[in-house]
Amino acid sequence: MLEIGPGFGALSTAILEVIASFTAVEKDTGLAKFIREHHPEIDLIEGDFLKVPLEPIAAGGRIAVLGNIPYSITSPILFRLLDNRRLVSSATLMMQHEVAQRLAASPGTKEYGILAVQMQAFCEVKYLFKVGRAVFKPRPEVDSAVIRIVPKAQDPVEDSEGFRRFVRCAFHQRRKTILNNLKQDYDTSSVPEATLKLRSEALGIEELIALFSLLRPLAPALHGETEPRNRLHEESGA
């Protein structure tokens, strides 16, 4: 068990009712001191979750991750978990409601984009419930929601990094067709014309995976370029 950002230990206390000890990562020095003093049974790592190695925490197994994660770094945390999905059994996280909607979005909706496709391709994502802003002190300006993420037993594509680059490229400009978003970076000659006329948000996860299998990177990628020329930074969560 790993808790991200225990803060003053509200969630930690509930976890300790179920499990005698677990690991928590807290970046704030003052809050880390509070947790050590009030919950010595917690194996506390004082540091940045985005930088703390997860292999020693997993100790040859897999980690169940819990946390009320900071709004400002939600996407980097999600992509760190995605990068380390083989070490994670599940992640149950509270986050800004708008981000939770994007994460669990369905094709054809305005929320469906890079974040949804990259996470749902490699994980089962379930929106659990909404948490209203009124229950927090101090009260935030937005609502929250709890999401559960479970990595799939097998990746749906062999080249997972290549697929993630493709997704960033395919959703680069949402109002453009698939052809217009991909033509500068991929050979689309094997893709049916009807598909190329669609926008990327019209395709489900399996359809995007099938599309990726038909593409071949153009010359720049073949010569070692690691990202498509029109790369959209994935942490934007667009």
C-alpha atoms as a PDB file:
ATOM      1  CA  MET A   1       0.000   0.000   0.000  1.00  0.00           C
ATOM      2  CA  LEU A   2       1.258   3.460  -0.920  1.00  0.00           C
ATOM      3  CA  GLU A   3      -0.439   6.753  -0.080  1.00  0.00           C
ATOM      4  CA  ILE A   4       0.500   9.825  -2.093  1.00  0.00           C
ATOM      5  CA  GLY A   5       0.577  13.006   0.000  1.00  0.00           C
ATOM      6  CA  PRO A   6      -0.946  11.995   3.370  1.00  0.00           C
ATOM      7  CA  GLY A   7      -1.122  15.625   4.554  1.00  0.00           C
ATOM      8  CA  PHE A   8      -2.589  15.679   8.064  1.00  0.00           C
ATOM      9  CA  GLY A   9      -3.465  11.997   7.875  1.00  0.00           C
ATOM     10  CA  ALA A  10      -7.233  11.967   7.336  1.00  0.00           C
ATOM     11  CA  LEU A  11      -7.044   9.162   4.778  1.00  0.00           C
ATOM     12  CA  SER A  12      -4.064   7.604   6.546  1.00  0.00           C
ATOM     13  CA  THR A  13      -6.138   7.059   9.681  1.00  0.00           C
ATOM     14  CA  ALA A  14      -8.784   5.208   7.690  1.00  0.00           C
ATOM     15  CA  ILE A  15      -6.161   3.061   5.971  1.00  0.00           C
ATOM     16  CA  LEU A  16      -4.633   2.106   9.328  1.00  0.00           C
ATOM     17  CA  GLU A  17      -7.984   0.687  10.398  1.00  0.00           C
ATOM     18  CA  VAL A  18      -7.561  -1.913   7.653  1.00  0.00           C
ATOM     19  CA  ILE A  19      -3.808  -2.444   7.426  1.00  0.00           C
ATOM     20  CA  ALA A  20      -1.266  -2.234  10.258  1.00  0.00           C
ATOM     21  CA  SER A  21       1.427  -0.419   8.308  1.00  0.00           C
ATOM     22  CA  PHE A  22       2.005   1.028   4.859  1.00  0.00           C
ATOM     23  CA  THR A  23       4.206   3.450   2.955  1.00  0.00           C
ATOM     24  CA  ALA A  24       3.410   7.109   2.355  1.00  0.00           C
ATOM     25  CA  VAL A  25       5.233   9.782   0.365  1.00  0.00           C
ATOM     26  CA  GLU A  26       4.998  13.384   1.587  1.00  0.00           C
ATOM     27  CA  LYS A  27       6.923  16.288   0.051  1.00  0.00           C
ATOM     28  CA  ASP A  28       6.071  18.983   2.610  1.00  0.00           C
ATOM     29  CA  THR A  29       8.566  18.983   5.493  1.00  0.00           C
ATOM     30  CA  GLY A  30       6.061  20.194   8.093  1.00  0.00           C
ATOM     31  CA  LEU A  31       3.435  17.622   7.116  1.00  0.00           C
ATOM     32  CA  ALA A  32       6.070  14.877   7.050  1.00  0.00           C
ATOM     33  CA  LYS A  33       6.992  15.776  10.634  1.00  0.00           C
ATOM     34  CA  PHE A  34       3.304  15.671  11.622  1.00  0.00           C
ATOM     35  CA  ILE A  35       2.844  12.182  10.147  1.00  0.00           C
ATOM     36  CA  ARG A  36       5.976  10.876  11.887  1.00  0.00           C
ATOM     37  CA  GLU A  37       4.763  12.191  15.241  1.00  0.00           C
ATOM     38  CA  HIS A  38       1.132  11.092  14.987  1.00  0.00           C
ATOM     39  CA  HIS A  39       1.441   7.925  12.875  1.00  0.00           C
ATOM     40  CA  PRO A  40       4.833   6.319  13.591  1.00  0.00           C
ATOM     41  CA  GLU A  41       3.524   3.028  12.180  1.00  0.00           C
ATOM     42  CA  ILE A  42       3.582   4.572   8.686  1.00  0.00           C
ATOM     43  CA  ASP A  43       6.775   4.052   6.702  1.00  0.00           C
ATOM     44  CA  LEU A  44       7.124   7.664   5.602  1.00  0.00           C
ATOM     45  CA  ILE A  45       9.281   8.753   2.680  1.00  0.00           C
ATOM     46  CA  GLU A  46       9.871  12.491   2.691  1.00  0.00           C
ATOM     47  CA  GLY A  47      10.196  13.423  -0.950  1.00  0.00           C
ATOM     48  CA  ASP A  48       8.541  14.168  -4.265  1.00  0.00           C
ATOM     49  CA  PHE A  49       6.377  11.286  -5.531  1.00  0.00           C
ATOM     50  CA  LEU A  50       7.382  12.185  -9.089  1.00  0.00           C
ATOM     51  CA  LYS A  51      11.001  11.387  -8.202  1.00  0.00           C
ATOM     52  CA  VAL A  52      10.802   8.674  -5.533  1.00  0.00           C
ATOM     53  CA  PRO A  53      11.806   5.242  -6.938  1.00  0.00           C
ATOM     54  CA  LEU A  54       8.873   2.841  -6.835  1.00  0.00           C
ATOM     55  CA  GLU A  55      10.766  -0.437  -7.237  1.00  0.00           C
ATOM     56  CA  PRO A  56      11.955  -0.557  -3.593  1.00  0.00           C
ATOM     57  CA  ILE A  57       8.410   0.146  -2.394  1.00  0.00           C
ATOM     58  CA  ALA A  58       7.007  -2.655  -4.563  1.00  0.00           C
ATOM     59  CA  ALA A  59       9.757  -4.974  -3.247  1.00  0.00           C
ATOM     60  CA  GLY A  60       9.200  -7.498  -6.013  1.00  0.00           C
ATOM     61  CA  GLY A  61       5.419  -7.256  -5.817  1.00  0.00           C
ATOM     62  CA  ARG A  62       2.885  -4.619  -6.862  1.00  0.00           C
ATOM     63  CA  ILE A  63       1.612  -1.522  -5.133  1.00  0.00           C
ATOM     64  CA  ALA A  64      -1.960  -0.497  -4.331  1.00  0.00           C
ATOM     65  CA  VAL A  65      -1.860   3.301  -4.565  1.00  0.00           C
ATOM     66  CA  LEU A  66      -4.220   5.660  -2.742  1.00  0.00           C
ATOM     67  CA  GLY A  67      -4.281   9.423  -2.476  1.00  0.00           C
ATOM     68  CA  ASN A  68      -6.012  12.748  -2.616  1.00  0.00           C
ATOM     69  CA  ILE A  69      -3.614  14.092  -5.195  1.00  0.00           C
ATOM     70  CA  PRO A  70      -2.726  17.773  -5.724  1.00  0.00           C
ATOM     71  CA  TYR A  71      -4.688  19.401  -8.526  1.00  0.00           C
ATOM     72  CA  SER A  72      -1.592  21.166  -9.865  1.00  0.00           C
ATOM     73  CA  ILE A  73       0.337  17.969 -10.651  1.00  0.00           C
ATOM     74  CA  THR A  74      -2.481  15.497 -11.337  1.00  0.00           C
ATOM     75  CA  SER A  75      -1.426  14.721 -14.917  1.00  0.00           C
ATOM     76  CA  PRO A  76       2.276  14.180 -14.071  1.00  0.00           C
ATOM     77  CA  ILE A  77       1.235  11.810 -11.262  1.00  0.00           C
ATOM     78  CA  LEU A  78      -1.088   9.891 -13.585  1.00  0.00           C
ATOM     79  CA  PHE A  79       1.575   9.528 -16.259  1.00  0.00           C
ATOM     80  CA  ARG A  80       4.152   8.453 -13.658  1.00  0.00           C
ATOM     81  CA  LEU A  81       1.788   5.702 -12.600  1.00  0.00           C
ATOM     82  CA  LEU A  82       1.248   4.807 -16.246  1.00  0.00           C
ATOM     83  CA  ASP A  83       4.999   4.620 -16.839  1.00  0.00           C
ATOM     84  CA  ASN A  84       5.325   2.320 -13.810  1.00  0.00           C
ATOM     85  CA  ARG A  85       2.136   0.315 -14.410  1.00  0.00           C
ATOM     86  CA  ARG A  86       3.923  -3.032 -14.028  1.00  0.00           C
ATOM     87  CA  LEU A  87       4.607  -2.084 -10.401  1.00  0.00           C
ATOM     88  CA  VAL A  88       1.013  -0.996  -9.691  1.00  0.00           C
ATOM     89  CA  SER A  89      -1.925  -3.301  -8.910  1.00  0.00           C
ATOM     90  CA  SER A  90      -4.410  -0.427  -8.672  1.00  0.00           C
ATOM     91  CA  ALA A  91      -4.640   3.305  -8.023  1.00  0.00           C
ATOM     92  CA  THR A  92      -7.666   4.844  -6.282  1.00  0.00           C
ATOM     93  CA  LEU A  93      -7.306   8.601  -6.424  1.00  0.00           C
ATOM     94  CA  MET A  94      -9.295  11.719  -5.658  1.00  0.00           C
ATOM     95  CA  MET A  95      -8.708  14.543  -8.101  1.00  0.00           C
ATOM     96  CA  GLN A  96     -10.367  17.581  -9.628  1.00  0.00           C
ATOM     97  CA  HIS A  97     -13.754  16.566 -11.045  1.00  0.00           C
ATOM     98  CA  GLU A  98     -12.969  18.007 -14.484  1.00  0.00           C
ATOM     99  CA  VAL A  99      -9.807  15.887 -14.772  1.00  0.00           C
ATOM    100  CA  ALA A 100     -11.671  12.785 -13.582  1.00  0.00           C
ATOM    101  CA  GLN A 101     -14.233  13.346 -16.335  1.00  0.00           C
ATOM    102  CA  ARG A 102     -11.460  13.606 -18.953  1.00  0.00           C
ATOM    103  CA  LEU A 103      -9.775  10.501 -17.600  1.00  0.00           C
ATOM    104  CA  ALA A 104     -12.924   8.354 -17.863  1.00  0.00           C
ATOM    105  CA  ALA A 105     -14.357  10.031 -20.979  1.00  0.00           C
ATOM    106  CA  SER A 106     -16.032   8.128 -23.817  1.00  0.00           C
ATOM    107  CA  PRO A 107     -15.425   8.616 -27.564  1.00  0.00           C
ATOM    108  CA  GLY A 108     -17.347  11.441 -29.170  1.00  0.00           C
ATOM    109  CA  THR A 109     -17.428  13.630 -26.066  1.00  0.00           C
ATOM    110  CA  LYS A 110     -15.594  16.916 -25.577  1.00  0.00           C
ATOM    111  CA  GLU A 111     -13.665  15.438 -22.630  1.00  0.00           C
ATOM    112  CA  TYR A 112     -12.259  12.557 -24.700  1.00  0.00           C
ATOM    113  CA  GLY A 113      -8.651  13.190 -25.666  1.00  0.00           C
ATOM    114  CA  ILE A 114      -5.009  12.391 -24.942  1.00  0.00           C
ATOM    115  CA  LEU A 115      -5.470  11.710 -21.239  1.00  0.00           C
ATOM    116  CA  ALA A 116      -8.426   9.361 -21.714  1.00  0.00           C
ATOM    117  CA  VAL A 117      -6.900   7.412 -24.604  1.00  0.00           C
ATOM    118  CA  GLN A 118      -3.433   6.957 -23.133  1.00  0.00           C
ATOM    119  CA  MET A 119      -4.766   5.831 -19.757  1.00  0.00           C
ATOM    120  CA  GLN A 120      -7.666   3.698 -21.014  1.00  0.00           C
ATOM    121  CA  ALA A 121      -5.491   1.916 -23.578  1.00  0.00           C
ATOM    122  CA  PHE A 122      -3.283   0.471 -20.843  1.00  0.00           C
ATOM    123  CA  CYS A 123      -5.596   0.524 -17.818  1.00  0.00           C
ATOM    124  CA  GLU A 124      -9.181  -0.083 -16.818  1.00  0.00           C
ATOM    125  CA  VAL A 125     -10.462   3.304 -15.674  1.00  0.00           C
ATOM    126  CA  LYS A 126     -13.617   3.664 -13.581  1.00  0.00           C
ATOM    127  CA  TYR A 127     -15.231   6.861 -12.352  1.00  0.00           C
ATOM    128  CA  LEU A 128     -16.436   5.991  -8.833  1.00  0.00           C
ATOM    129  CA  PHE A 129     -18.161   9.034  -7.345  1.00  0.00           C
ATOM    130  CA  LYS A 130     -18.218  12.807  -7.086  1.00  0.00           C
ATOM    131  CA  VAL A 131     -17.055  14.665  -3.975  1.00  0.00           C
ATOM    132  CA  GLY A 132     -18.617  18.100  -3.546  1.00  0.00           C
ATOM    133  CA  ARG A 133     -16.486  21.086  -2.631  1.00  0.00           C
ATOM    134  CA  ALA A 134     -18.559  21.775   0.505  1.00  0.00           C
ATOM    135  CA  VAL A 135     -16.995  18.844   2.401  1.00  0.00           C
ATOM    136  CA  PHE A 136     -13.488  20.364   2.313  1.00  0.00           C
ATOM    137  CA  LYS A 137     -11.911  22.858   4.696  1.00  0.00           C
ATOM    138  CA  PRO A 138     -10.795  25.237   3.397  1.00  0.00           C
ATOM    139  CA  ARG A 139     -13.421  24.961   0.663  1.00  0.00           C
ATOM    140  CA  PRO A 140     -11.937  24.777  -2.869  1.00  0.00           C
ATOM    141  CA  GLU A 141     -13.465  26.446  -5.898  1.00  0.00           C
ATOM    142  CA  VAL A 142     -14.079  23.157  -7.737  1.00  0.00           C
ATOM    143  CA  ASP A 143     -15.620  19.750  -7.082  1.00  0.00           C
ATOM    144  CA  SER A 144     -13.599  16.560  -6.866  1.00  0.00           C
ATOM    145  CA  ALA A 145     -14.144  12.929  -7.860  1.00  0.00           C
ATOM    146  CA  VAL A 146     -12.651   9.535  -7.065  1.00  0.00           C
ATOM    147  CA  ILE A 147     -11.252   7.405  -9.880  1.00  0.00           C
ATOM    148  CA  ARG A 148     -10.009   3.812  -9.812  1.00  0.00           C
ATOM    149  CA  ILE A 149      -7.285   2.746 -12.258  1.00  0.00           C
ATOM    150  CA  VAL A 150      -6.243  -0.889 -12.757  1.00  0.00           C
ATOM    151  CA  PRO A 151      -3.410  -1.648 -15.228  1.00  0.00           C
ATOM    152  CA  LYS A 152      -4.299  -4.295 -17.800  1.00  0.00           C
ATOM    153  CA  ALA A 153      -2.558  -7.649 -17.573  1.00  0.00           C
ATOM    154  CA  GLN A 154      -1.008  -7.131 -21.015  1.00  0.00           C
ATOM    155  CA  ASP A 155      -0.313  -4.030 -23.081  1.00  0.00           C
ATOM    156  CA  PRO A 156      -2.548  -3.862 -26.169  1.00  0.00           C
ATOM    157  CA  VAL A 157       0.378  -2.808 -28.358  1.00  0.00           C
ATOM    158  CA  GLU A 158       3.987  -3.953 -28.431  1.00  0.00           C
ATOM    159  CA  ASP A 159       5.365  -0.443 -28.955  1.00  0.00           C
ATOM    160  CA  SER A 160       3.651   1.342 -26.078  1.00  0.00           C
ATOM    161  CA  GLU A 161       5.797   4.472 -26.330  1.00  0.00           C
ATOM    162  CA  GLY A 162       5.173   4.652 -30.058  1.00  0.00           C
ATOM    163  CA  PHE A 163       1.430   4.401 -29.442  1.00  0.00           C
ATOM    164  CA  ARG A 164       1.536   7.215 -26.905  1.00  0.00           C
ATOM    165  CA  ARG A 165       3.409   9.424 -29.383  1.00  0.00           C
ATOM    166  CA  PHE A 166       0.803   8.574 -32.005  1.00  0.00           C
ATOM    167  CA  VAL A 167      -2.028   9.577 -29.652  1.00  0.00           C
ATOM    168  CA  ARG A 168      -0.428  12.968 -28.954  1.00  0.00           C
ATOM    169  CA  CYS A 169      -0.091  13.485 -32.686  1.00  0.00           C
ATOM    170  CA  ALA A 170      -3.620  12.290 -33.539  1.00  0.00           C
ATOM    171  CA  PHE A 171      -5.212  14.665 -31.031  1.00  0.00           C
ATOM    172  CA  HIS A 172      -2.847  17.554 -31.750  1.00  0.00           C
ATOM    173  CA  GLN A 173      -5.608  19.736 -33.200  1.00  0.00           C
ATOM    174  CA  ARG A 174      -9.039  18.406 -32.320  1.00  0.00           C
ATOM    175  CA  ARG A 175     -10.894  20.227 -35.092  1.00  0.00           C
ATOM    176  CA  LYS A 176      -8.719  18.668 -37.796  1.00  0.00           C
ATOM    177  CA  THR A 177      -9.279  15.273 -39.413  1.00  0.00           C
ATOM    178  CA  ILE A 178      -7.108  12.282 -38.640  1.00  0.00           C
ATOM    179  CA  LEU A 179      -5.384  12.707 -42.003  1.00  0.00           C
ATOM    180  CA  ASN A 180      -4.476  16.335 -41.349  1.00  0.00           C
ATOM    181  CA  ASN A 181      -3.128  15.552 -37.892  1.00  0.00           C
ATOM    182  CA  LEU A 182      -1.054  12.562 -39.000  1.00  0.00           C
ATOM    183  CA  LYS A 183       0.087  13.226 -42.544  1.00  0.00           C
ATOM    184  CA  GLN A 184       3.269  15.121 -41.604  1.00  0.00           C
ATOM    185  CA  ASP A 185       4.535  12.352 -39.316  1.00  0.00           C
ATOM    186  CA  TYR A 186       3.086   9.069 -40.621  1.00  0.00           C
ATOM    187  CA  ASP A 187       2.545   7.198 -43.862  1.00  0.00           C
ATOM    188  CA  THR A 188      -1.260   6.860 -43.927  1.00  0.00           C
ATOM    189  CA  SER A 189      -1.508   5.057 -47.279  1.00  0.00           C
ATOM    190  CA  SER A 190      -2.714   1.816 -45.644  1.00  0.00           C
ATOM    191  CA  VAL A 191      -5.541   3.525 -43.760  1.00  0.00           C
ATOM    192  CA  PRO A 192      -9.054   3.463 -45.259  1.00  0.00           C
ATOM    193  CA  GLU A 193     -10.023   6.854 -46.675  1.00  0.00           C
ATOM    194  CA  ALA A 194     -13.240   6.917 -44.654  1.00  0.00           C
ATOM    195  CA  THR A 195     -11.237   6.651 -41.433  1.00  0.00           C
ATOM    196  CA  LEU A 196      -8.863   9.433 -42.436  1.00  0.00           C
ATOM    197  CA  LYS A 197     -11.805  11.802 -42.883  1.00  0.00           C
ATOM    198  CA  LEU A 198     -12.886  11.358 -39.263  1.00  0.00           C
ATOM    199  CA  ARG A 199     -11.681  13.280 -36.238  1.00  0.00           C
ATOM    200  CA  SER A 200      -9.711  11.292 -33.671  1.00  0.00           C
ATOM    201  CA  GLU A 201     -12.308  11.714 -30.917  1.00  0.00           C
ATOM    202  CA  ALA A 202     -14.747   9.688 -33.045  1.00  0.00           C
ATOM    203  CA  LEU A 203     -12.642   6.525 -32.592  1.00  0.00           C
ATOM    204  CA  GLY A 204     -12.717   4.234 -29.572  1.00  0.00           C
ATOM    205  CA  ILE A 205      -9.615   2.798 -27.925  1.00  0.00           C
ATOM    206  CA  GLU A 206      -9.599  -0.425 -29.970  1.00  0.00           C
ATOM    207  CA  GLU A 207     -10.150   1.532 -33.191  1.00  0.00           C
ATOM    208  CA  LEU A 208      -7.219   3.837 -32.397  1.00  0.00           C
ATOM    209  CA  ILE A 209      -5.029   0.816 -31.667  1.00  0.00           C
ATOM    210  CA  ALA A 210      -6.054  -0.691 -35.009  1.00  0.00           C
ATOM    211  CA  LEU A 211      -5.285   2.611 -36.745  1.00  0.00           C
ATOM    212  CA  PHE A 212      -1.849   2.743 -35.119  1.00  0.00           C
ATOM    213  CA  SER A 213      -1.076  -0.737 -36.459  1.00  0.00           C
ATOM    214  CA  LEU A 214      -1.626   0.511 -40.033  1.00  0.00           C
ATOM    215  CA  LEU A 215       0.736   3.477 -39.765  1.00  0.00           C
ATOM    216  CA  ARG A 216       4.428   3.787 -40.500  1.00  0.00           C
ATOM    217  CA  PRO A 217       6.491   6.744 -39.244  1.00  0.00           C
ATOM    218  CA  LEU A 218       7.876   8.999 -41.947  1.00  0.00           C
ATOM    219  CA  ALA A 219      11.589   9.730 -42.408  1.00  0.00           C
ATOM    220  CA  PRO A 220      12.258  11.951 -39.336  1.00  0.00           C
ATOM    221  CA  ALA A 221      11.123   9.238 -36.910  1.00  0.00           C
ATOM    222  CA  LEU A 222      13.095   6.607 -38.819  1.00  0.00           C
ATOM    223  CA  HIS A 223      16.239   8.671 -38.310  1.00  0.00           C
ATOM    224  CA  GLY A 224      15.942   8.623 -34.549  1.00  0.00           C
ATOM    225  CA  GLU A 225      13.560  11.470 -33.753  1.00  0.00           C
ATOM    226  CA  THR A 226      11.855  10.419 -30.520  1.00  0.00           C
ATOM    227  CA  GLU A 227       8.713  12.571 -30.813  1.00  0.00           C
ATOM    228  CA  PRO A 228       6.435  13.600 -33.689  1.00  0.00           C
ATOM    229  CA  ARG A 229       7.279  17.044 -35.017  1.00  0.00           C
ATOM    230  CA  ASN A 230       3.960  18.455 -33.878  1.00  0.00           C
ATOM    231  CA  ARG A 231       4.241  16.927 -30.384  1.00  0.00           C
ATOM    232  CA  LEU A 232       1.668  18.035 -27.836  1.00  0.00           C
ATOM    233  CA  HIS A 233       2.990  17.791 -24.297  1.00  0.00           C
ATOM    234  CA  GLU A 234       1.004  14.993 -22.693  1.00  0.00           C
ATOM    235  CA  GLU A 235       0.864  16.624 -19.258  1.00  0.00           C
ATOM    236  CA  SER A 236      -1.555  19.163 -20.702  1.00  0.00           C
ATOM    237  CA  GLY A 237      -4.192  16.429 -20.541  1.00  0.00           C
ATOM    238  CA  ALA A 238      -5.992  17.880 -23.557  1.00  0.00           C
END
